Amino acid sequence: MPHTKDDLPDALYSAAQVRGLDASLIAAGTPGFELMQRAARATWRALVRQWPAASELTVVAGHGNNAGDGYLVAVLARRAGWWVRVLAVGDPLQLRGDAASAHAEAVSENVRIEAWSGQSECRGIVLDALLGTGLTGDVREPYAGVISVINASGLPVVAVDIPSGLCADTGHILGRAVRADLTVTFIGLKLGLFTGDAADVVGELVFNDLHADPQLLEGAPTSALRLMAGNLPCLPARTPTSHKGKFGHVLLVGGDRGLGGAILLSAQSALRSGAGMVSVATRSEHVPAALARIPEAMVLGTSSANQLMELLQKVSVLVSGPGLGQSAWGRSLLSAAANAPLPQVWDADALNMLAEERVNLPKDCVITPHPGEAARLLGMSTAEIQADRPAAAHALSKKYAAVVVLKGAGSLIASPDGRLAVCHQGHPAMATAGLGDVLAGLVGALLAQGMDAFNAACLAVWLHANAGEQQGKFGRGLAASDLIPAIRQLLEEQAPCLK
């Protein structure tokens, strides 16, 4: 069955897991060549839907089953009366198995097949059937040069299964990748289509299960869960007898000199996301601004950690890090927070001090690093984090025994028990300061309202990304505070207050 956009399944797989599903389908009685034909028909239908007036197709084929899919799409285009040409990278006579059968069928249908050369010209729609999901190392020549020509052509591009050069497991571009306008993928959704560099190269994504028996998919191992409106954890609806004492008390610690706005954004987010009570511990000089902006919050001007001790006995959740800085003031406050037996959210400078081993992370914690902070926590480079974001999220969760939100394009939420969720929503306008502070306050508010750490992180990331997507439609210039009313509205739609 074809699926597009938000109709996609929620299970995500590694390349090896999808190959296992493919093998299971074959073992259950569906010949591999029949699956290849189904993939070709699915690609052809999606292509025609996307460009109904088109009549020319250039298939760029490599080796393996990805090329076999391309040859069979060329056959379908030829039968439909299109101008078709296959540009073969390498000798097609070296193809084996089902791919060789697909090539033979293209030859029998008199499809024009030419060897790729530096002078090859692409016409019409370009079908990327170069490299499949098995790619692990960087793309080498001649494929790298072919990809550059495809990207420079300015023509519409369809990728078969995955854009060539994109890692199916990590979403990392392996040196160079085809920039597709449409990607048609099969059997199981690959994790790498939803995180890292994927958003820049996948284009519109269409999924087809190739009529796989659902029973074969049940119980099969998966790599991650794709967060969507239908599978999100939910807060319970609020009954008419609700009162503030039922929804927790969040204490937010941060806002050193020159950084007061961060803790105020976080506090405003916690308040507007439903926390019953909100307190802020910050520099004394920030108290007037905090009271003017958030009069509903209880604001404590704090010069030392000793002033926190009484308040720590009264609150239910801690959020540490927004605007905390790394001076002695911030270190002392974070040390006091680390010793509090409470669910906590650590962000920003709290994570930088954690990376420097100045403090230990308490139990029941959610940490929300961006790639640079994740690199410091793991003793790696940011490039290494981005090269395998799922592995980095799992490594952080294991190292710190915490729920981890690895922020960025295709944010990842990892649990110490091995669960991984992916949120691919969002908008380029969200590339602005303060959004992490809003997210930290939101996670804290959901913890205060009774959610466990993994579910609170999943729901918070989804709300945050979708609020950004809504507000991002107005274009660049998005301010972090713009997300807060949108988050409130989305939360109410999901878990309303009953009258």
Protein backbone atom coordinates (compact mmCIF):
# COMPACT_ATOMS: atom_id res chain seq x y z
CA MET A 1 0.00 0.00 0.00
CA PRO A 2 1.30 3.50 -0.77
CA HIS A 3 1.72 5.98 2.05
CA THR A 4 2.74 9.62 1.90
CA LYS A 5 3.55 12.34 4.39
CA ASP A 6 1.80 11.84 7.76
CA ASP A 7 0.24 8.59 6.61
CA LEU A 8 3.61 6.90 6.94
CA PRO A 9 4.02 4.00 9.38
CA ASP A 10 5.64 4.74 12.72
CA ALA A 11 8.16 1.87 12.79
CA LEU A 12 11.67 2.70 11.59
CA TYR A 13 14.31 0.12 10.64
CA SER A 14 17.99 -0.15 9.93
CA ALA A 15 19.15 -1.21 6.47
CA ALA A 16 20.02 -4.66 7.82
CA GLN A 17 16.57 -5.01 9.38
CA VAL A 18 14.89 -4.14 6.09
CA ARG A 19 17.05 -6.68 4.30
CA GLY A 20 15.82 -9.19 6.87
CA LEU A 21 12.22 -8.26 6.11
CA ASP A 22 12.94 -8.64 2.40
CA ALA A 23 14.43 -12.09 3.02
CA SER A 24 11.39 -13.06 5.08
CA LEU A 25 9.05 -12.10 2.25
CA ILE A 26 11.07 -14.18 -0.20
CA ALA A 27 11.19 -17.14 2.21
CA ALA A 28 7.41 -16.89 2.61
CA GLY A 29 6.94 -17.40 -1.12
CA THR A 30 7.23 -14.06 -2.90
CA PRO A 31 10.04 -14.26 -5.49
CA GLY A 32 12.66 -11.53 -5.29
CA PHE A 33 12.03 -10.50 -8.89
CA GLU A 34 8.34 -10.05 -8.11
CA LEU A 35 9.25 -7.72 -5.24
CA MET A 36 11.51 -5.80 -7.62
CA GLN A 37 8.65 -5.47 -10.11
CA ARG A 38 6.35 -4.21 -7.35
CA ALA A 39 8.96 -1.63 -6.33
CA ALA A 40 9.27 -0.48 -9.93
CA ARG A 41 5.51 -0.14 -10.31
CA ALA A 42 5.28 1.80 -7.03
CA THR A 43 8.04 4.15 -8.18
CA TRP A 44 6.44 4.63 -11.58
CA ARG A 45 3.03 5.44 -10.08
CA ALA A 46 4.53 7.96 -7.67
CA LEU A 47 6.57 9.55 -10.44
CA VAL A 48 3.55 9.98 -12.71
CA ARG A 49 1.44 11.39 -9.86
CA GLN A 50 4.13 13.94 -9.10
CA TRP A 51 4.74 15.02 -12.72
CA PRO A 52 1.63 14.11 -14.74
CA ALA A 53 2.69 16.14 -17.80
CA ALA A 54 6.16 14.59 -18.08
CA SER A 55 7.14 12.35 -21.01
CA GLU A 56 10.93 11.93 -20.75
CA LEU A 57 12.92 9.81 -18.31
CA THR A 58 16.64 9.37 -17.74
CA VAL A 59 17.52 6.43 -15.49
CA VAL A 60 20.98 6.55 -13.96
CA ALA A 61 21.75 2.97 -12.92
CA GLY A 62 24.55 1.53 -10.87
CA HIS A 63 24.90 -2.05 -9.66
CA GLY A 64 22.78 -4.24 -7.43
CA ASN A 65 19.06 -4.37 -6.85
CA ASN A 66 18.75 -0.57 -6.83
CA ALA A 67 19.82 -0.62 -10.48
CA GLY A 68 17.37 -3.47 -11.13
CA ASP A 69 14.52 -1.29 -9.89
CA GLY A 70 15.70 1.43 -12.27
CA TYR A 71 15.76 -0.86 -15.31
CA LEU A 72 12.21 -2.00 -14.59
CA VAL A 73 10.98 1.59 -14.20
CA ALA A 74 12.55 2.28 -17.59
CA VAL A 75 10.53 -0.62 -19.03
CA LEU A 76 7.30 0.83 -17.63
CA ALA A 77 8.10 4.26 -19.05
CA ARG A 78 8.93 2.76 -22.43
CA ARG A 79 5.60 0.89 -22.49
CA ALA A 80 3.83 4.16 -21.64
CA GLY A 81 5.32 5.79 -24.72
CA TRP A 82 7.87 7.97 -22.96
CA TRP A 83 11.29 8.88 -24.30
CA VAL A 84 13.56 6.74 -22.12
CA ARG A 85 17.28 6.26 -21.75
CA VAL A 86 19.30 4.36 -19.14
CA LEU A 87 22.77 5.67 -18.39
CA ALA A 88 24.68 2.73 -16.92
CA VAL A 89 27.53 3.45 -14.53
CA GLY A 90 29.75 0.40 -14.95
CA ASP A 91 29.13 -2.66 -17.09
CA PRO A 92 25.51 -3.87 -16.81
CA LEU A 93 26.68 -7.33 -17.87
CA GLN A 94 28.24 -7.57 -14.39
CA LEU A 95 24.79 -7.47 -12.79
CA ARG A 96 23.70 -10.64 -11.03
CA GLY A 97 20.46 -12.26 -9.90
CA ASP A 98 17.25 -10.24 -10.04
CA ALA A 99 19.09 -7.12 -11.20
CA ALA A 100 20.43 -9.05 -14.20
CA SER A 101 16.89 -10.23 -14.98
CA ALA A 102 15.67 -6.63 -14.84
CA HIS A 103 18.41 -5.55 -17.23
CA ALA A 104 17.48 -8.39 -19.60
CA GLU A 105 13.85 -7.29 -19.56
CA ALA A 106 14.89 -3.72 -20.41
CA VAL A 107 16.96 -5.04 -23.32
CA SER A 108 14.03 -7.14 -24.58
CA GLU A 109 11.81 -4.04 -24.49
CA ASN A 110 14.35 -2.14 -26.60
CA VAL A 111 15.08 0.36 -23.85
CA ARG A 112 18.00 2.55 -24.92
CA ILE A 113 20.96 1.74 -22.63
CA GLU A 114 24.21 3.69 -22.82
CA ALA A 115 27.38 3.68 -20.76
CA TRP A 116 27.77 6.75 -18.56
CA SER A 117 30.43 9.19 -19.69
CA GLY A 118 31.46 12.68 -18.73
CA GLN A 119 29.49 13.93 -21.74
CA SER A 120 26.25 12.10 -20.83
CA GLU A 121 23.19 14.33 -20.90
CA CYS A 122 20.18 13.93 -18.64
CA ARG A 123 16.72 14.76 -20.00
CA GLY A 124 13.27 14.97 -18.47
CA ILE A 125 12.96 13.37 -15.06
CA VAL A 126 16.10 11.78 -13.61
CA LEU A 127 15.68 8.48 -11.78
CA ASP A 128 18.44 7.86 -9.24
CA ALA A 129 19.05 4.08 -9.22
CA LEU A 130 22.75 4.35 -8.43
CA LEU A 131 23.41 3.19 -4.88
CA GLY A 132 21.06 1.49 -2.45
CA THR A 133 20.78 1.13 1.31
CA GLY A 134 23.91 -1.00 1.71
CA LEU A 135 26.29 1.94 1.31
CA THR A 136 28.46 2.54 4.39
CA GLY A 137 31.68 4.28 3.31
CA ASP A 138 32.01 7.56 1.44
CA VAL A 139 30.86 7.58 -2.18
CA ARG A 140 33.78 6.99 -4.53
CA GLU A 141 34.33 7.74 -8.19
CA PRO A 142 32.78 7.39 -10.67
CA TYR A 143 29.65 7.63 -8.52
CA ALA A 144 30.65 10.87 -6.81
CA GLY A 145 31.03 12.58 -10.18
CA VAL A 146 27.73 11.18 -11.44
CA ILE A 147 25.94 12.51 -8.36
CA SER A 148 27.45 15.96 -8.95
CA VAL A 149 26.14 15.95 -12.53
CA ILE A 150 22.64 14.91 -11.40
CA ASN A 151 22.55 17.65 -8.77
CA ALA A 152 23.78 20.27 -11.24
CA SER A 153 21.26 19.31 -13.92
CA GLY A 154 18.39 21.34 -12.48
CA LEU A 155 16.01 18.53 -13.49
CA PRO A 156 13.40 16.83 -11.27
CA VAL A 157 14.97 13.85 -9.48
CA VAL A 158 13.36 10.68 -8.13
CA ALA A 159 15.37 8.45 -5.80
CA VAL A 160 14.67 4.73 -5.68
CA ASP A 161 14.49 3.58 -2.04
CA ILE A 162 16.98 6.20 -0.76
CA PRO A 163 18.92 9.08 -2.31
CA SER A 164 22.30 7.71 -3.37
CA GLY A 165 24.95 8.72 -0.86
CA LEU A 166 22.62 9.06 2.15
CA CYS A 167 23.28 6.51 4.89
CA ALA A 168 20.12 4.51 5.56
CA ASP A 169 21.02 4.01 9.22
CA THR A 170 22.25 7.45 10.26
CA GLY A 171 20.91 10.06 7.84
CA HIS A 172 24.49 11.22 7.25
CA ILE A 173 25.64 12.19 3.76
CA LEU A 174 28.52 9.89 2.89
CA GLY A 175 30.66 12.42 1.10
CA ARG A 176 28.10 13.33 -1.55
CA ALA A 177 24.40 12.57 -2.04
CA VAL A 178 21.74 12.99 -4.68
CA ARG A 179 19.30 15.79 -3.88
CA ALA A 180 15.96 14.21 -4.70
CA ASP A 181 12.62 15.92 -5.15
CA LEU A 182 10.83 12.63 -4.52
CA THR A 183 12.02 9.46 -2.76
CA VAL A 184 10.05 6.23 -3.04
CA THR A 185 11.03 3.69 -0.39
CA PHE A 186 9.89 0.13 0.23
CA ILE A 187 9.01 -2.61 2.73
CA GLY A 188 10.17 -0.73 5.86
CA LEU A 189 11.00 2.90 6.54
CA LYS A 190 14.71 3.49 7.09
CA LEU A 191 15.76 5.48 10.15
CA GLY A 192 18.21 7.50 8.07
CA LEU A 193 15.37 9.04 6.07
CA PHE A 194 14.28 11.04 9.14
CA THR A 195 17.34 12.50 10.87
CA GLY A 196 20.65 14.21 10.17
CA ASP A 197 21.09 15.43 6.60
CA ALA A 198 18.01 13.62 5.30
CA ALA A 199 15.72 16.64 5.20
CA ASP A 200 18.01 18.33 2.69
CA VAL A 201 18.05 15.48 0.18
CA VAL A 202 14.97 13.24 0.52
CA GLY A 203 12.31 15.60 -0.85
CA GLU A 204 8.77 14.26 -0.67
CA LEU A 205 8.77 10.77 0.77
CA VAL A 206 6.45 8.02 -0.48
CA PHE A 207 6.39 4.59 1.14
CA ASN A 208 5.11 1.33 -0.32
CA ASP A 209 5.06 -1.90 1.66
CA LEU A 210 5.09 -4.01 -1.56
CA HIS A 211 2.03 -5.89 -0.27
CA ALA A 212 4.01 -7.42 2.55
CA ASP A 213 2.03 -9.73 4.82
CA PRO A 214 1.48 -7.70 8.04
CA GLN A 215 2.00 -10.86 10.08
CA LEU A 216 5.57 -11.07 8.79
CA LEU A 217 6.22 -7.57 10.12
CA GLU A 218 4.73 -8.21 13.56
CA GLY A 219 7.44 -8.81 16.10
CA ALA A 220 10.23 -7.96 13.66
CA PRO A 221 13.01 -5.91 15.30
CA THR A 222 12.89 -2.16 14.71
CA SER A 223 15.39 0.64 15.31
CA ALA A 224 13.15 3.52 16.33
CA LEU A 225 9.65 4.94 16.59
CA ARG A 226 8.62 7.85 14.40
CA LEU A 227 6.68 10.31 16.56
CA MET A 228 3.34 11.29 15.07
CA ALA A 229 0.03 12.62 16.33
CA GLY A 230 -1.49 9.14 16.56
CA ASN A 231 1.16 7.51 18.76
CA LEU A 232 2.15 10.27 21.17
CA PRO A 233 2.04 9.78 24.91
CA CYS A 234 -0.74 11.91 26.37
CA LEU A 235 -1.43 13.83 29.51
CA PRO A 236 -4.84 13.03 30.98
CA ALA A 237 -7.60 15.54 30.42
CA ARG A 238 -8.14 17.94 33.31
CA THR A 239 -11.33 17.41 35.27
CA PRO A 240 -13.49 20.23 36.64
CA THR A 241 -12.14 19.61 40.17
CA SER A 242 -8.51 20.12 39.17
CA HIS A 243 -6.30 22.40 41.26
CA LYS A 244 -2.71 23.62 41.02
CA GLY A 245 -1.46 21.15 43.59
CA LYS A 246 -2.15 18.29 41.21
CA PHE A 247 0.18 19.55 38.49
CA GLY A 248 3.51 19.92 40.17
CA HIS A 249 5.88 22.67 41.15
CA VAL A 250 8.77 23.36 38.77
CA LEU A 251 11.89 25.15 39.97
CA LEU A 252 14.07 26.61 37.21
CA VAL A 253 17.66 27.45 38.10
CA GLY A 254 19.77 29.73 35.93
CA GLY A 255 20.19 33.19 34.51
CA ASP A 256 23.65 34.42 35.44
CA ARG A 257 24.60 38.01 34.68
CA GLY A 258 23.99 38.78 31.01
CA LEU A 259 21.99 35.57 30.54
CA GLY A 260 18.72 36.38 32.29
CA GLY A 261 16.52 35.97 29.22
CA ALA A 262 17.21 32.24 28.94
CA ILE A 263 15.80 31.33 32.35
CA LEU A 264 12.78 33.58 31.79
CA LEU A 265 11.99 31.86 28.49
CA SER A 266 12.25 28.51 30.19
CA ALA A 267 10.04 29.59 33.08
CA GLN A 268 7.42 31.10 30.79
CA SER A 269 7.38 27.85 28.81
CA ALA A 270 6.89 25.76 31.96
CA LEU A 271 4.05 28.00 33.14
CA ARG A 272 2.23 28.02 29.79
CA SER A 273 2.68 24.26 29.39
CA GLY A 274 0.58 23.49 32.44
CA ALA A 275 2.84 23.28 35.49
CA GLY A 276 0.78 23.98 38.61
CA MET A 277 3.40 26.29 40.10
CA VAL A 278 6.65 27.77 38.81
CA SER A 279 9.57 29.12 40.79
CA VAL A 280 12.73 30.71 39.46
CA ALA A 281 16.10 30.94 41.17
CA THR A 282 18.24 33.54 39.42
CA ARG A 283 20.54 36.47 39.99
CA SER A 284 18.99 39.15 42.21
CA GLU A 285 19.31 41.80 39.51
CA HIS A 286 17.01 39.76 37.25
CA VAL A 287 14.15 39.63 39.75
CA PRO A 288 12.39 42.86 38.62
CA ALA A 289 12.44 41.77 34.97
CA ALA A 290 11.20 38.30 35.88
CA LEU A 291 8.29 39.66 37.93
CA ALA A 292 7.39 42.11 35.20
CA ARG A 293 7.39 39.42 32.53
CA ILE A 294 6.01 36.47 34.53
CA PRO A 295 4.16 37.77 37.59
CA GLU A 296 2.68 34.30 38.10
CA ALA A 297 6.12 32.86 38.92
CA MET A 298 7.74 32.95 42.34
CA VAL A 299 11.17 34.47 41.83
CA LEU A 300 14.02 34.06 44.28
CA GLY A 301 17.04 36.33 43.99
CA THR A 302 19.85 33.91 44.69
CA SER A 303 23.45 34.66 45.56
CA SER A 304 24.43 31.22 46.91
CA ALA A 305 23.29 27.62 46.89
CA ASN A 306 22.30 27.82 50.56
CA GLN A 307 19.30 29.91 49.59
CA LEU A 308 18.00 27.03 47.46
CA MET A 309 17.85 24.45 50.21
CA GLU A 310 14.47 25.33 51.67
CA LEU A 311 12.90 25.72 48.23
CA LEU A 312 14.21 22.33 47.10
CA GLN A 313 12.07 20.73 49.81
CA LYS A 314 8.91 22.20 48.28
CA VAL A 315 9.24 21.58 44.52
CA SER A 316 8.61 18.44 42.47
CA VAL A 317 10.79 19.01 39.37
CA LEU A 318 14.03 20.87 38.68
CA VAL A 319 15.17 22.48 35.42
CA SER A 320 18.82 23.51 35.50
CA GLY A 321 21.01 25.16 32.92
CA PRO A 322 19.30 27.89 30.89
CA GLY A 323 21.57 30.91 31.20
CA LEU A 324 23.35 29.28 34.16
CA GLY A 325 26.84 30.21 33.03
CA GLN A 326 29.94 28.47 34.34
CA SER A 327 31.08 30.85 37.06
CA ALA A 328 31.30 29.89 40.72
CA TRP A 329 27.69 31.02 41.15
CA GLY A 330 26.40 28.61 38.53
CA ARG A 331 28.59 25.77 39.76
CA SER A 332 27.32 26.09 43.32
CA LEU A 333 23.67 26.15 42.26
CA LEU A 334 24.10 23.15 39.99
CA SER A 335 25.87 21.23 42.75
CA ALA A 336 22.88 21.79 45.04
CA ALA A 337 20.49 20.71 42.28
CA ALA A 338 22.49 17.55 41.60
CA ASN A 339 22.00 16.42 45.20
CA ALA A 340 18.23 16.93 45.16
CA PRO A 341 16.25 13.64 44.85
CA LEU A 342 13.89 15.01 42.22
CA PRO A 343 13.15 14.43 38.51
CA GLN A 344 15.32 16.90 36.65
CA VAL A 345 16.00 18.45 33.24
CA TRP A 346 19.55 19.54 32.46
CA ASP A 347 20.33 21.81 29.53
CA ALA A 348 22.94 24.26 28.24
CA ASP A 349 25.66 25.15 30.76
CA ALA A 350 24.55 22.39 33.13
CA LEU A 351 25.62 19.99 30.38
CA ASN A 352 28.89 21.81 29.81
CA MET A 353 29.74 21.47 33.49
CA LEU A 354 28.68 17.83 33.38
CA ALA A 355 31.05 17.29 30.46
CA GLU A 356 33.88 18.80 32.51
CA GLU A 357 33.01 16.34 35.30
CA ARG A 358 32.46 19.18 37.76
CA VAL A 359 29.21 17.56 38.90
CA ASN A 360 27.40 14.22 38.73
CA LEU A 361 24.06 13.74 37.03
CA PRO A 362 21.27 12.62 39.39
CA LYS A 363 18.84 9.81 38.68
CA ASP A 364 15.58 10.32 36.75
CA CYS A 365 17.11 13.02 34.59
CA VAL A 366 16.40 14.26 31.07
CA ILE A 367 19.33 15.89 29.28
CA THR A 368 18.78 17.97 26.15
CA PRO A 369 22.09 18.50 24.31
CA HIS A 370 22.57 20.00 20.88
CA PRO A 371 25.28 18.28 18.79
CA GLY A 372 28.07 20.48 20.16
CA GLU A 373 27.13 19.74 23.76
CA ALA A 374 26.75 16.05 22.92
CA ALA A 375 30.28 16.08 21.49
CA ARG A 376 31.69 17.49 24.71
CA LEU A 377 29.77 14.96 26.80
CA LEU A 378 31.14 12.04 24.77
CA GLY A 379 34.63 13.43 24.16
CA MET A 380 34.09 13.50 20.40
CA SER A 381 33.88 16.08 17.66
CA THR A 382 30.58 17.56 16.54
CA ALA A 383 31.19 16.05 13.09
CA GLU A 384 31.47 12.60 14.67
CA ILE A 385 28.18 13.12 16.51
CA GLN A 386 26.43 14.17 13.31
CA ALA A 387 27.92 11.26 11.38
CA ASP A 388 25.91 8.82 13.52
CA ARG A 389 23.28 10.64 15.54
CA PRO A 390 21.39 7.48 16.63
CA ALA A 391 24.57 5.92 18.00
CA ALA A 392 25.44 9.15 19.82
CA ALA A 393 21.99 9.36 21.43
CA HIS A 394 22.22 5.75 22.61
CA ALA A 395 25.77 6.28 23.90
CA LEU A 396 24.76 9.35 25.91
CA SER A 397 21.76 7.56 27.38
CA LYS A 398 23.90 4.61 28.41
CA LYS A 399 26.75 6.71 29.81
CA TYR A 400 24.55 8.93 31.95
CA ALA A 401 21.63 6.53 32.62
CA ALA A 402 19.34 9.32 31.48
CA VAL A 403 16.75 10.06 28.85
CA VAL A 404 18.53 12.00 26.12
CA VAL A 405 17.09 14.50 23.65
CA LEU A 406 19.70 14.95 20.92
CA LYS A 407 18.46 18.11 19.26
CA GLY A 408 18.82 19.03 15.60
CA ALA A 409 17.19 18.09 12.32
CA GLY A 410 15.35 14.89 13.14
CA SER A 411 15.63 15.18 16.93
CA LEU A 412 16.24 11.87 18.70
CA ILE A 413 14.97 10.76 22.10
CA ALA A 414 16.88 7.84 23.64
CA SER A 415 16.09 5.91 26.81
CA PRO A 416 18.55 3.84 28.86
CA ASP A 417 16.40 0.78 28.15
CA GLY A 418 17.26 1.06 24.44
CA ARG A 419 14.16 2.79 23.11
CA LEU A 420 14.70 5.43 20.44
CA ALA A 421 12.16 7.89 19.04
CA VAL A 422 12.56 10.32 16.15
CA CYS A 423 10.80 13.62 15.55
CA HIS A 424 11.29 14.84 11.99
CA GLN A 425 8.92 17.80 12.15
CA GLY A 426 10.20 21.35 12.46
CA HIS A 427 11.09 24.30 10.27
CA PRO A 428 14.29 26.10 9.14
CA ALA A 429 13.04 29.27 10.83
CA MET A 430 13.68 27.51 14.15
CA ALA A 431 17.42 28.10 13.69
CA THR A 432 17.46 30.85 16.30
CA ALA A 433 18.51 31.37 19.91
CA GLY A 434 16.32 30.46 22.87
CA LEU A 435 14.42 27.51 21.47
CA GLY A 436 16.32 25.09 23.69
CA ASP A 437 15.31 27.10 26.75
CA VAL A 438 11.66 26.79 25.72
CA LEU A 439 12.06 23.03 25.26
CA ALA A 440 13.69 22.56 28.67
CA GLY A 441 10.84 24.35 30.42
CA LEU A 442 8.29 22.31 28.48
CA VAL A 443 9.91 19.01 29.47
CA GLY A 444 9.92 20.17 33.10
CA ALA A 445 6.23 21.04 32.98
CA LEU A 446 5.29 17.64 31.57
CA LEU A 447 7.35 15.86 34.24
CA ALA A 448 5.58 17.96 36.88
CA GLN A 449 2.22 16.84 35.52
CA GLY A 450 3.07 13.20 36.09
CA MET A 451 4.67 11.92 32.89
CA ASP A 452 7.72 9.66 33.06
CA ALA A 453 10.98 10.93 31.63
CA PHE A 454 10.88 9.21 28.21
CA ASN A 455 7.25 10.05 27.50
CA ALA A 456 7.67 13.63 28.69
CA ALA A 457 10.67 14.06 26.41
CA CYS A 458 8.87 12.53 23.41
CA LEU A 459 5.76 14.67 23.85
CA ALA A 460 7.77 17.82 24.51
CA VAL A 461 9.95 17.40 21.43
CA TRP A 462 6.90 16.77 19.23
CA LEU A 463 4.98 19.77 20.62
CA HIS A 464 8.04 22.00 20.28
CA ALA A 465 8.74 20.91 16.69
CA ASN A 466 5.16 21.22 15.54
CA ALA A 467 4.74 24.62 17.18
CA GLY A 468 7.89 25.67 15.33
CA GLU A 469 6.45 24.30 12.10
CA GLN A 470 3.29 26.35 12.62
CA GLN A 471 5.12 29.57 13.43
CA GLY A 472 7.82 28.93 10.84
CA LYS A 473 5.28 29.39 8.07
CA PHE A 474 5.66 33.13 8.63
CA GLY A 475 9.32 32.81 7.64
CA ARG A 476 12.61 33.83 9.19
CA GLY A 477 12.67 36.12 12.20
CA LEU A 478 10.99 33.55 14.45
CA ALA A 479 11.52 34.34 18.14
CA ALA A 480 11.68 31.54 20.69
CA SER A 481 8.78 33.04 22.66
CA ASP A 482 6.59 32.73 19.54
CA LEU A 483 6.45 28.98 20.15
CA ILE A 484 4.96 29.20 23.64
CA PRO A 485 1.34 30.06 22.73
CA ALA A 486 1.45 27.54 19.87
CA ILE A 487 2.65 24.83 22.28
CA ARG A 488 -0.17 25.70 24.65
CA GLN A 489 -2.74 25.36 21.87
CA LEU A 490 -1.34 22.01 20.67
CA LEU A 491 -1.29 20.68 24.21
CA GLU A 492 -4.90 21.66 24.75
CA GLU A 493 -5.93 19.96 21.52
CA GLN A 494 -4.25 16.80 22.69
CA ALA A 495 -5.33 16.79 26.36
CA PRO A 496 -8.18 19.27 26.90
CA CYS A 497 -9.48 20.82 30.05
CA LEU A 498 -12.98 19.46 30.62
CA LYS A 499 -15.80 21.84 31.47
